[in-house]
Amino acid sequence: MACATKGCGKQAVLTDEQKKILAALAGQPEACGSKEVAAASGMESKEVSCKLTALKNRGYVESPARCKYAITAAGRAAIK
């Protein structure tokens, strides 16, 4: 299934939405699902899911378990 959400693909600079998602993940004690990230960031679940995939492809987010996401060291550095 292709993602049709604007700003979903690879980008040189992080968008405000991507930064929100990374900040939400940084505040979680362990890997969590996209719905938890959406609730923590105040964003729509579908939008978060798409952006998580893009962030994962860029190395800012990892998926240690199916449908669970955690911020990487690169992700933490990107929001400092």
N, C-alpha and C. Protein backbone atom coordinates (compact mmCIF):
# COMPACT_ATOMS: atom_id res chain seq x y z
N MET A 1 0.84 -1.18 0.00
CA MET A 1 0.00 0.00 0.00
C MET A 1 0.88 1.24 0.00
N ALA A 2 0.73 2.07 -0.96
CA ALA A 2 1.53 3.29 -1.06
C ALA A 2 0.95 4.36 -0.16
N CYS A 3 1.83 5.19 0.35
CA CYS A 3 1.40 6.26 1.23
C CYS A 3 1.13 7.51 0.42
N ALA A 4 -0.03 8.09 0.60
CA ALA A 4 -0.40 9.28 -0.18
C ALA A 4 -0.29 10.56 0.64
N THR A 5 0.18 10.46 1.88
CA THR A 5 0.27 11.63 2.73
C THR A 5 1.38 12.55 2.26
N LYS A 6 1.08 13.84 2.15
CA LYS A 6 2.06 14.82 1.71
C LYS A 6 3.24 14.85 2.68
N GLY A 7 4.45 14.91 2.14
CA GLY A 7 5.64 15.00 2.99
C GLY A 7 6.07 13.68 3.57
N CYS A 8 5.62 12.61 2.98
CA CYS A 8 5.89 11.29 3.53
C CYS A 8 7.25 10.74 3.12
N GLY A 9 7.75 11.12 1.97
CA GLY A 9 8.98 10.54 1.45
C GLY A 9 10.24 11.09 2.08
N LYS A 10 11.36 10.70 1.54
CA LYS A 10 12.64 11.16 2.04
C LYS A 10 12.81 12.65 1.78
N GLN A 11 13.38 13.33 2.75
CA GLN A 11 13.59 14.76 2.63
C GLN A 11 14.94 15.10 3.24
N ALA A 12 15.54 16.20 2.79
CA ALA A 12 16.84 16.61 3.30
C ALA A 12 16.72 17.16 4.72
N VAL A 13 15.62 17.84 5.01
CA VAL A 13 15.41 18.47 6.31
C VAL A 13 14.15 17.89 6.94
N LEU A 14 14.16 17.75 8.25
CA LEU A 14 12.98 17.24 8.93
C LEU A 14 11.88 18.29 8.97
N THR A 15 10.66 17.85 8.74
CA THR A 15 9.51 18.74 8.84
C THR A 15 9.13 18.89 10.32
N ASP A 16 8.28 19.85 10.61
CA ASP A 16 7.81 20.03 11.98
C ASP A 16 7.07 18.78 12.47
N GLU A 17 6.31 18.15 11.57
CA GLU A 17 5.58 16.94 11.94
C GLU A 17 6.54 15.80 12.28
N GLN A 18 7.60 15.65 11.49
CA GLN A 18 8.58 14.61 11.76
C GLN A 18 9.28 14.86 13.09
N LYS A 19 9.58 16.12 13.37
CA LYS A 19 10.20 16.47 14.65
C LYS A 19 9.27 16.16 15.81
N LYS A 20 7.96 16.41 15.64
CA LYS A 20 6.98 16.08 16.67
C LYS A 20 6.97 14.59 16.95
N ILE A 21 7.02 13.81 15.89
CA ILE A 21 7.01 12.35 16.05
C ILE A 21 8.26 11.88 16.77
N LEU A 22 9.41 12.40 16.37
CA LEU A 22 10.65 12.02 17.04
C LEU A 22 10.64 12.43 18.51
N ALA A 23 10.12 13.61 18.80
CA ALA A 23 10.03 14.07 20.19
C ALA A 23 9.10 13.16 20.99
N ALA A 24 7.99 12.76 20.38
CA ALA A 24 7.06 11.86 21.06
C ALA A 24 7.73 10.52 21.35
N LEU A 25 8.48 10.00 20.38
CA LEU A 25 9.19 8.73 20.60
C LEU A 25 10.27 8.88 21.66
N ALA A 26 10.94 10.02 21.68
CA ALA A 26 12.01 10.25 22.66
C ALA A 26 11.45 10.25 24.08
N GLY A 27 10.18 10.61 24.23
CA GLY A 27 9.55 10.64 25.54
C GLY A 27 8.99 9.31 26.01
N GLN A 28 9.09 8.29 25.18
CA GLN A 28 8.55 6.97 25.53
C GLN A 28 9.64 6.11 26.17
N PRO A 29 9.32 5.38 27.23
CA PRO A 29 10.32 4.54 27.88
C PRO A 29 10.71 3.29 27.07
N GLU A 30 9.84 2.89 26.15
CA GLU A 30 10.11 1.71 25.32
C GLU A 30 9.43 1.86 23.97
N ALA A 31 9.70 0.94 23.07
CA ALA A 31 9.09 0.98 21.74
C ALA A 31 7.57 0.96 21.87
N CYS A 32 6.91 1.71 20.98
CA CYS A 32 5.45 1.78 21.05
C CYS A 32 4.87 1.80 19.64
N GLY A 33 3.58 1.62 19.55
CA GLY A 33 2.89 1.58 18.28
C GLY A 33 2.55 2.97 17.75
N SER A 34 2.15 3.02 16.50
CA SER A 34 1.85 4.30 15.87
C SER A 34 0.69 5.02 16.54
N LYS A 35 -0.26 4.29 17.08
CA LYS A 35 -1.40 4.94 17.76
C LYS A 35 -0.93 5.67 19.02
N GLU A 36 0.01 5.08 19.74
CA GLU A 36 0.56 5.73 20.93
C GLU A 36 1.36 6.98 20.55
N VAL A 37 2.10 6.87 19.45
CA VAL A 37 2.87 8.03 18.96
C VAL A 37 1.91 9.13 18.53
N ALA A 38 0.83 8.76 17.85
CA ALA A 38 -0.17 9.74 17.42
C ALA A 38 -0.78 10.46 18.62
N ALA A 39 -1.12 9.71 19.66
CA ALA A 39 -1.70 10.31 20.85
C ALA A 39 -0.70 11.25 21.53
N ALA A 40 0.56 10.85 21.60
CA ALA A 40 1.59 11.65 22.26
C ALA A 40 1.94 12.90 21.46
N SER A 41 1.79 12.83 20.13
CA SER A 41 2.17 13.96 19.29
C SER A 41 0.99 14.86 18.91
N GLY A 42 -0.24 14.37 19.15
CA GLY A 42 -1.42 15.14 18.78
C GLY A 42 -1.71 15.11 17.30
N MET A 43 -1.18 14.12 16.61
CA MET A 43 -1.37 14.00 15.16
C MET A 43 -2.31 12.85 14.83
N GLU A 44 -2.77 12.81 13.59
CA GLU A 44 -3.63 11.73 13.11
C GLU A 44 -2.82 10.43 12.98
N SER A 45 -3.43 9.32 13.31
CA SER A 45 -2.75 8.02 13.28
C SER A 45 -2.22 7.65 11.90
N LYS A 46 -3.01 7.88 10.84
CA LYS A 46 -2.57 7.54 9.49
C LYS A 46 -1.35 8.35 9.08
N GLU A 47 -1.36 9.63 9.42
CA GLU A 47 -0.24 10.51 9.09
C GLU A 47 1.02 10.06 9.83
N VAL A 48 0.86 9.71 11.10
CA VAL A 48 2.00 9.26 11.90
C VAL A 48 2.57 7.97 11.33
N SER A 49 1.72 7.05 10.96
CA SER A 49 2.17 5.77 10.42
C SER A 49 3.04 5.98 9.18
N CYS A 50 2.59 6.83 8.28
CA CYS A 50 3.33 7.12 7.06
C CYS A 50 4.68 7.77 7.37
N LYS A 51 4.66 8.75 8.26
CA LYS A 51 5.88 9.48 8.58
C LYS A 51 6.87 8.59 9.34
N LEU A 52 6.36 7.66 10.15
CA LEU A 52 7.24 6.72 10.85
C LEU A 52 8.02 5.88 9.84
N THR A 53 7.35 5.46 8.78
CA THR A 53 8.03 4.68 7.75
C THR A 53 9.14 5.49 7.09
N ALA A 54 8.85 6.74 6.78
CA ALA A 54 9.87 7.60 6.18
C ALA A 54 11.04 7.82 7.14
N LEU A 55 10.74 8.03 8.41
CA LEU A 55 11.79 8.24 9.41
C LEU A 55 12.61 6.97 9.62
N LYS A 56 11.95 5.84 9.54
CA LYS A 56 12.66 4.55 9.65
C LYS A 56 13.62 4.38 8.47
N ASN A 57 13.16 4.72 7.28
CA ASN A 57 14.00 4.61 6.08
C ASN A 57 15.22 5.52 6.16
N ARG A 58 15.11 6.60 6.87
CA ARG A 58 16.22 7.56 7.02
C ARG A 58 17.13 7.23 8.20
N GLY A 59 16.76 6.24 9.01
CA GLY A 59 17.59 5.82 10.13
C GLY A 59 17.33 6.55 11.43
N TYR A 60 16.25 7.34 11.49
CA TYR A 60 15.92 8.08 12.71
C TYR A 60 15.04 7.26 13.67
N VAL A 61 14.40 6.24 13.13
CA VAL A 61 13.50 5.39 13.90
C VAL A 61 13.84 3.95 13.58
N GLU A 62 13.74 3.09 14.61
CA GLU A 62 13.92 1.65 14.39
C GLU A 62 12.64 0.93 14.79
N SER A 63 12.51 -0.29 14.32
CA SER A 63 11.35 -1.10 14.65
C SER A 63 11.83 -2.41 15.25
N PRO A 64 12.04 -2.43 16.58
CA PRO A 64 12.57 -3.63 17.22
C PRO A 64 11.60 -4.81 17.24
N ALA A 65 10.32 -4.52 17.07
CA ALA A 65 9.29 -5.56 17.01
C ALA A 65 8.24 -5.10 16.00
N ARG A 66 7.51 -6.05 15.45
CA ARG A 66 6.50 -5.71 14.44
C ARG A 66 5.53 -4.66 14.97
N CYS A 67 5.37 -3.59 14.20
CA CYS A 67 4.45 -2.50 14.52
C CYS A 67 4.82 -1.71 15.78
N LYS A 68 6.05 -1.81 16.22
CA LYS A 68 6.55 -1.04 17.36
C LYS A 68 7.72 -0.20 16.88
N TYR A 69 7.83 1.01 17.40
CA TYR A 69 8.85 1.94 16.94
C TYR A 69 9.57 2.58 18.12
N ALA A 70 10.84 2.87 17.90
CA ALA A 70 11.67 3.55 18.91
C ALA A 70 12.61 4.50 18.18
N ILE A 71 12.98 5.58 18.85
CA ILE A 71 13.90 6.55 18.26
C ILE A 71 15.32 6.02 18.33
N THR A 72 16.12 6.30 17.32
CA THR A 72 17.52 5.90 17.30
C THR A 72 18.39 7.05 17.80
N ALA A 73 19.69 6.78 17.96
CA ALA A 73 20.62 7.85 18.36
C ALA A 73 20.63 8.96 17.30
N ALA A 74 20.55 8.59 16.04
CA ALA A 74 20.50 9.58 14.97
C ALA A 74 19.24 10.43 15.07
N GLY A 75 18.13 9.81 15.44
CA GLY A 75 16.87 10.52 15.62
C GLY A 75 16.96 11.52 16.77
N ARG A 76 17.59 11.08 17.87
CA ARG A 76 17.75 11.97 19.02
C ARG A 76 18.63 13.17 18.64
N ALA A 77 19.70 12.90 17.89
CA ALA A 77 20.60 13.97 17.48
C ALA A 77 19.89 14.96 16.54
N ALA A 78 18.97 14.47 15.75
CA ALA A 78 18.27 15.32 14.78
C ALA A 78 17.32 16.31 15.43
N ILE A 79 16.86 16.01 16.65
CA ILE A 79 15.91 16.92 17.31
C ILE A 79 16.56 17.77 18.39
N LYS A 80 17.87 17.67 18.53
CA LYS A 80 18.56 18.51 19.53
C LYS A 80 18.85 19.86 18.99
